Amino acid sequence: MATKANFEVIWFYQHLGDNEGDLPTNAQWEGDATSERVFHIEGRPTGTGYITLQVYDVEQNDHQIKINGRFLPGYDIRPSGTKTWATWTDVIEHDVLRQGRNTIQIVRNRSDHDNFIIDNVIVHWKEQG
């Protein structure tokens, strides 16, 4: 059976943090976690995938990415520097994505005072079928 690469661009433009007024932005305020977004995979995912995120003003490295109710391991979003946009990549383990409906959410570590923006997120995977 043939394997093909595929991807989905997921737009968030959401502000996470403990202080809504901390960043001068019109991004939607969400607080501790982005709203959950849904994307669909037509074929059967195979192997590992990866995710890229556009983020602004991340100062801590302990925020997490949750896909289908599971947190990705390790540090998911690295600090970008004060008032700076950055793009980060993380690996999606082989058994996280599934055929059909998938969900994604970004969760900030509530124990720090980091305020940042999540913009576009791109999920990449290989699929059979």
C-alpha atoms as a PDB file:
ATOM      1  CA  MET A   1       0.000   0.000   0.000  1.00  0.00           C
ATOM      2  CA  ALA A   2       1.318   3.437  -0.929  1.00  0.00           C
ATOM      3  CA  THR A   3       2.456   5.906   1.724  1.00  0.00           C
ATOM      4  CA  LYS A   4       2.162   9.656   1.297  1.00  0.00           C
ATOM      5  CA  ALA A   5       3.107  12.677   3.359  1.00  0.00           C
ATOM      6  CA  ASN A   6       0.370  15.040   4.451  1.00  0.00           C
ATOM      7  CA  PHE A   7      -0.093  18.057   6.717  1.00  0.00           C
ATOM      8  CA  GLU A   8      -2.682  20.367   8.244  1.00  0.00           C
ATOM      9  CA  VAL A   9      -2.242  24.075   9.053  1.00  0.00           C
ATOM     10  CA  ILE A  10      -4.126  24.937  12.230  1.00  0.00           C
ATOM     11  CA  TRP A  11      -4.644  28.586  13.084  1.00  0.00           C
ATOM     12  CA  PHE A  12      -4.758  29.509  16.778  1.00  0.00           C
ATOM     13  CA  TYR A  13      -3.631  33.136  17.315  1.00  0.00           C
ATOM     14  CA  GLN A  14      -4.290  32.779  21.033  1.00  0.00           C
ATOM     15  CA  HIS A  15      -2.662  34.418  24.050  1.00  0.00           C
ATOM     16  CA  LEU A  16      -1.732  32.155  26.965  1.00  0.00           C
ATOM     17  CA  GLY A  17      -0.548  33.369  30.342  1.00  0.00           C
ATOM     18  CA  ASP A  18      -1.487  34.655  33.766  1.00  0.00           C
ATOM     19  CA  ASN A  19      -1.910  38.317  32.783  1.00  0.00           C
ATOM     20  CA  GLU A  20      -4.207  39.264  29.902  1.00  0.00           C
ATOM     21  CA  GLY A  21      -2.679  42.745  29.684  1.00  0.00           C
ATOM     22  CA  ASP A  22       0.941  41.564  29.616  1.00  0.00           C
ATOM     23  CA  LEU A  23       1.296  41.583  25.809  1.00  0.00           C
ATOM     24  CA  PRO A  24       0.027  44.326  23.502  1.00  0.00           C
ATOM     25  CA  THR A  25      -1.946  42.043  21.182  1.00  0.00           C
ATOM     26  CA  ASN A  26      -5.362  41.414  19.739  1.00  0.00           C
ATOM     27  CA  ALA A  27      -4.843  37.649  19.989  1.00  0.00           C
ATOM     28  CA  GLN A  28      -7.713  35.875  21.708  1.00  0.00           C
ATOM     29  CA  TRP A  29      -7.068  35.539  25.471  1.00  0.00           C
ATOM     30  CA  GLU A  30      -7.268  31.915  26.656  1.00  0.00           C
ATOM     31  CA  GLY A  31      -5.318  31.802  29.942  1.00  0.00           C
ATOM     32  CA  ASP A  32      -3.851  28.372  30.698  1.00  0.00           C
ATOM     33  CA  ALA A  33      -4.610  26.465  27.476  1.00  0.00           C
ATOM     34  CA  THR A  34      -5.615  27.149  23.902  1.00  0.00           C
ATOM     35  CA  SER A  35      -9.012  26.048  22.764  1.00  0.00           C
ATOM     36  CA  GLU A  36      -8.934  22.515  21.413  1.00  0.00           C
ATOM     37  CA  ARG A  37      -8.684  22.364  17.630  1.00  0.00           C
ATOM     38  CA  VAL A  38      -9.776  19.449  15.430  1.00  0.00           C
ATOM     39  CA  PHE A  39      -8.103  18.139  12.279  1.00  0.00           C
ATOM     40  CA  HIS A  40      -8.798  15.022  10.222  1.00  0.00           C
ATOM     41  CA  ILE A  41      -6.515  12.379   8.743  1.00  0.00           C
ATOM     42  CA  GLU A  42      -7.991  10.509   5.795  1.00  0.00           C
ATOM     43  CA  GLY A  43      -5.577   7.555   5.631  1.00  0.00           C
ATOM     44  CA  ARG A  44      -3.997   5.464   8.390  1.00  0.00           C
ATOM     45  CA  PRO A  45      -1.069   7.351  10.012  1.00  0.00           C
ATOM     46  CA  THR A  46       2.211   5.458   9.998  1.00  0.00           C
ATOM     47  CA  GLY A  47       5.567   6.151  11.663  1.00  0.00           C
ATOM     48  CA  THR A  48       6.415   9.357  13.471  1.00  0.00           C
ATOM     49  CA  GLY A  49       5.178  12.795  12.515  1.00  0.00           C
ATOM     50  CA  TYR A  50       6.223  16.266  13.510  1.00  0.00           C
ATOM     51  CA  ILE A  51       4.718  19.571  14.451  1.00  0.00           C
ATOM     52  CA  THR A  52       5.922  23.135  13.889  1.00  0.00           C
ATOM     53  CA  LEU A  53       4.625  26.074  15.903  1.00  0.00           C
ATOM     54  CA  GLN A  54       4.890  29.827  15.475  1.00  0.00           C
ATOM     55  CA  VAL A  55       5.171  31.386  18.936  1.00  0.00           C
ATOM     56  CA  TYR A  56       5.774  34.860  20.328  1.00  0.00           C
ATOM     57  CA  ASP A  57       7.537  35.848  23.557  1.00  0.00           C
ATOM     58  CA  VAL A  58       7.972  32.381  25.102  1.00  0.00           C
ATOM     59  CA  GLU A  59      10.289  32.746  28.105  1.00  0.00           C
ATOM     60  CA  GLN A  60      10.003  29.287  29.730  1.00  0.00           C
ATOM     61  CA  ASN A  61      10.564  25.815  28.252  1.00  0.00           C
ATOM     62  CA  ASP A  62       8.005  23.772  30.151  1.00  0.00           C
ATOM     63  CA  HIS A  63       4.807  24.353  28.155  1.00  0.00           C
ATOM     64  CA  GLN A  64       3.258  21.314  26.482  1.00  0.00           C
ATOM     65  CA  ILE A  65       1.505  20.129  23.338  1.00  0.00           C
ATOM     66  CA  LYS A  66      -1.442  17.770  23.760  1.00  0.00           C
ATOM     67  CA  ILE A  67      -2.605  15.675  20.792  1.00  0.00           C
ATOM     68  CA  ASN A  68      -5.591  13.359  21.159  1.00  0.00           C
ATOM     69  CA  GLY A  69      -5.494  13.786  24.928  1.00  0.00           C
ATOM     70  CA  ARG A  70      -1.800  12.823  25.219  1.00  0.00           C
ATOM     71  CA  PHE A  71       1.048  15.184  26.037  1.00  0.00           C
ATOM     72  CA  LEU A  72       4.070  14.921  23.766  1.00  0.00           C
ATOM     73  CA  PRO A  73       7.198  13.953  25.748  1.00  0.00           C
ATOM     74  CA  GLY A  74       9.989  16.334  26.713  1.00  0.00           C
ATOM     75  CA  TYR A  75      10.182  20.070  26.157  1.00  0.00           C
ATOM     76  CA  ASP A  76       7.727  20.950  23.404  1.00  0.00           C
ATOM     77  CA  ILE A  77       8.147  24.720  23.095  1.00  0.00           C
ATOM     78  CA  ARG A  78      11.535  26.347  23.648  1.00  0.00           C
ATOM     79  CA  PRO A  79      11.998  29.937  24.829  1.00  0.00           C
ATOM     80  CA  SER A  80      11.987  32.369  21.915  1.00  0.00           C
ATOM     81  CA  GLY A  81      13.324  35.410  23.704  1.00  0.00           C
ATOM     82  CA  THR A  82      11.512  38.478  24.892  1.00  0.00           C
ATOM     83  CA  LYS A  83       9.140  40.065  22.355  1.00  0.00           C
ATOM     84  CA  THR A  84      10.356  37.822  19.507  1.00  0.00           C
ATOM     85  CA  TRP A  85       8.585  35.462  17.072  1.00  0.00           C
ATOM     86  CA  ALA A  86      10.092  31.991  16.657  1.00  0.00           C
ATOM     87  CA  THR A  87       9.239  28.677  15.009  1.00  0.00           C
ATOM     88  CA  TRP A  88       9.793  25.393  16.858  1.00  0.00           C
ATOM     89  CA  THR A  89       9.547  21.763  15.815  1.00  0.00           C
ATOM     90  CA  ASP A  90       8.717  18.718  17.921  1.00  0.00           C
ATOM     91  CA  VAL A  91       8.341  15.007  17.122  1.00  0.00           C
ATOM     92  CA  ILE A  92       4.964  13.263  17.281  1.00  0.00           C
ATOM     93  CA  GLU A  93       5.439   9.661  18.369  1.00  0.00           C
ATOM     94  CA  HIS A  94       4.197   6.908  16.048  1.00  0.00           C
ATOM     95  CA  ASP A  95       1.023   5.987  17.975  1.00  0.00           C
ATOM     96  CA  VAL A  96      -0.368   9.468  18.769  1.00  0.00           C
ATOM     97  CA  LEU A  97      -2.111  10.364  15.508  1.00  0.00           C
ATOM     98  CA  ARG A  98      -5.080   8.342  14.290  1.00  0.00           C
ATOM     99  CA  GLN A  99      -7.219   7.954  11.215  1.00  0.00           C
ATOM    100  CA  GLY A 100     -10.220  10.269  11.281  1.00  0.00           C
ATOM    101  CA  ARG A 101     -10.717  12.930  13.941  1.00  0.00           C
ATOM    102  CA  ASN A 102      -7.678  14.255  15.862  1.00  0.00           C
ATOM    103  CA  THR A 103      -7.442  17.045  18.439  1.00  0.00           C
ATOM    104  CA  ILE A 104      -4.644  19.412  19.418  1.00  0.00           C
ATOM    105  CA  GLN A 105      -4.213  21.850  22.285  1.00  0.00           C
ATOM    106  CA  ILE A 106      -1.310  23.893  23.694  1.00  0.00           C
ATOM    107  CA  VAL A 107      -1.089  23.978  27.507  1.00  0.00           C
ATOM    108  CA  ARG A 108       1.059  26.426  29.439  1.00  0.00           C
ATOM    109  CA  ASN A 109       2.786  25.593  32.703  1.00  0.00           C
ATOM    110  CA  ARG A 110       0.676  27.390  35.307  1.00  0.00           C
ATOM    111  CA  SER A 111       3.517  27.496  37.843  1.00  0.00           C
ATOM    112  CA  ASP A 112       5.350  30.287  35.990  1.00  0.00           C
ATOM    113  CA  HIS A 113       4.365  33.767  34.868  1.00  0.00           C
ATOM    114  CA  ASP A 114       5.060  33.314  31.162  1.00  0.00           C
ATOM    115  CA  ASN A 115       2.690  35.090  28.758  1.00  0.00           C
ATOM    116  CA  PHE A 116       2.983  34.197  25.070  1.00  0.00           C
ATOM    117  CA  ILE A 117       1.107  33.824  21.789  1.00  0.00           C
ATOM    118  CA  ILE A 118       0.529  30.669  19.755  1.00  0.00           C
ATOM    119  CA  ASP A 119      -0.097  31.511  16.091  1.00  0.00           C
ATOM    120  CA  ASN A 120      -0.020  28.912  13.301  1.00  0.00           C
ATOM    121  CA  VAL A 121       0.613  25.253  14.057  1.00  0.00           C
ATOM    122  CA  ILE A 122       1.390  22.761  11.299  1.00  0.00           C
ATOM    123  CA  VAL A 123       0.999  19.032  11.909  1.00  0.00           C
ATOM    124  CA  HIS A 124       2.900  16.762   9.477  1.00  0.00           C
ATOM    125  CA  TRP A 125       2.405  13.002   9.144  1.00  0.00           C
ATOM    126  CA  LYS A 126       2.764  10.014   6.813  1.00  0.00           C
ATOM    127  CA  GLU A 127      -0.305   7.977   5.985  1.00  0.00           C
ATOM    128  CA  GLN A 128      -1.249   4.800   4.168  1.00  0.00           C
ATOM    129  CA  GLY A 129      -4.277   4.506   1.951  1.00  0.00           C
END
